[in-house]
Amino acid sequence: FRDGHGAEWIAAAWLMLKGYRILGFRLKAPGAEIDILAKKASVLAVVEVKQRRTIEAAESALSPDQRERLRLAGERLLRQS
């Protein structure tokens, strides 16, 4: 649990260094929880943080169904704002 939150803060710092503005952490949306919501210009980034040894392991930890749920949750949040 603690490692996961630490990874989220590291991811948020990296996003900020890349010019993103952090809009929220651990946001509840119907069907999904968004770890980090960030925005840069016209890009809304819905970020799922996975702390793994390799990028390949992190990518495989997120199923296509989970990706779709996160995408839909981001769209819902965007429509609400």
Protein backbone atom coordinates (compact mmCIF):
# COMPACT_ATOMS: atom_id res chain seq x y z
CA PHE A 1 0.00 0.00 0.00
CA ARG A 2 2.70 2.45 1.03
CA ASP A 3 4.83 1.55 -1.99
CA GLY A 4 1.88 2.18 -4.28
CA HIS A 5 1.31 5.66 -2.89
CA GLY A 6 5.02 6.40 -3.20
CA ALA A 7 4.93 5.31 -6.83
CA GLU A 8 1.95 7.62 -7.43
CA TRP A 9 3.87 10.60 -6.04
CA ILE A 10 6.89 9.77 -8.19
CA ALA A 11 4.62 9.50 -11.25
CA ALA A 12 2.98 12.84 -10.39
CA ALA A 13 6.38 14.53 -10.01
CA TRP A 14 7.48 13.13 -13.39
CA LEU A 15 4.27 14.39 -15.02
CA MET A 16 4.77 17.86 -13.52
CA LEU A 17 8.35 17.93 -14.84
CA LYS A 18 6.87 17.17 -18.27
CA GLY A 19 4.53 20.18 -17.95
CA TYR A 20 1.34 18.48 -16.77
CA ARG A 21 -0.91 20.01 -14.15
CA ILE A 22 -2.15 17.45 -11.64
CA LEU A 23 -5.94 17.66 -11.30
CA GLY A 24 -6.46 14.89 -8.78
CA PHE A 25 -5.32 11.71 -7.06
CA ARG A 26 -7.27 8.49 -6.49
CA LEU A 27 -10.47 9.84 -8.04
CA LYS A 28 -13.55 7.64 -7.83
CA ALA A 29 -15.52 7.32 -11.02
CA PRO A 30 -18.25 4.82 -11.93
CA GLY A 31 -16.49 1.55 -12.70
CA ALA A 32 -12.94 2.76 -12.05
CA GLU A 33 -10.56 4.59 -9.75
CA ILE A 34 -8.17 6.95 -11.47
CA ASP A 35 -4.77 7.07 -9.74
CA ILE A 36 -3.78 10.42 -11.27
CA LEU A 37 -5.69 12.81 -13.49
CA ALA A 38 -3.46 15.35 -15.21
CA LYS A 39 -3.76 17.92 -18.00
CA LYS A 40 -1.33 19.52 -20.42
CA ALA A 41 -2.76 21.83 -23.06
CA SER A 42 -5.57 19.84 -24.71
CA VAL A 43 -4.36 16.46 -23.38
CA LEU A 44 -6.20 14.90 -20.45
CA ALA A 45 -4.08 12.08 -18.99
CA VAL A 46 -5.85 9.33 -17.07
CA VAL A 47 -2.98 7.60 -15.28
CA GLU A 48 -2.96 4.15 -13.73
CA VAL A 49 0.22 3.69 -11.70
CA LYS A 50 1.72 0.20 -11.58
CA GLN A 51 4.97 -0.29 -9.69
CA ARG A 52 6.77 -3.20 -11.33
CA ARG A 53 10.37 -4.15 -12.10
CA THR A 54 10.02 -3.47 -15.83
CA ILE A 55 7.79 -1.34 -18.05
CA GLU A 56 6.67 -4.53 -19.79
CA ALA A 57 5.51 -6.02 -16.48
CA ALA A 58 3.64 -2.81 -15.64
CA GLU A 59 1.96 -2.70 -19.03
CA SER A 60 0.86 -6.32 -18.82
CA ALA A 61 -0.61 -5.70 -15.34
CA LEU A 62 -3.38 -3.62 -16.95
CA SER A 63 -5.92 -5.61 -18.94
CA PRO A 64 -7.68 -4.25 -22.03
CA ASP A 65 -10.92 -4.15 -20.00
CA GLN A 66 -9.24 -2.06 -17.30
CA ARG A 67 -7.84 0.31 -19.95
CA GLU A 68 -11.32 0.77 -21.40
CA ARG A 69 -12.86 1.40 -17.95
CA LEU A 70 -10.21 4.04 -17.26
CA ARG A 71 -10.78 5.69 -20.64
CA LEU A 72 -14.53 5.84 -20.03
CA ALA A 73 -14.00 7.18 -16.50
CA GLY A 74 -11.78 9.94 -17.89
CA GLU A 75 -14.42 10.85 -20.45
CA ARG A 76 -17.08 11.03 -17.73
CA LEU A 77 -14.92 13.27 -15.58
CA LEU A 78 -14.16 15.49 -18.56
CA ARG A 79 -17.88 15.90 -19.30
CA GLN A 80 -18.57 16.81 -15.66
CA SER A 81 -16.06 19.68 -15.65
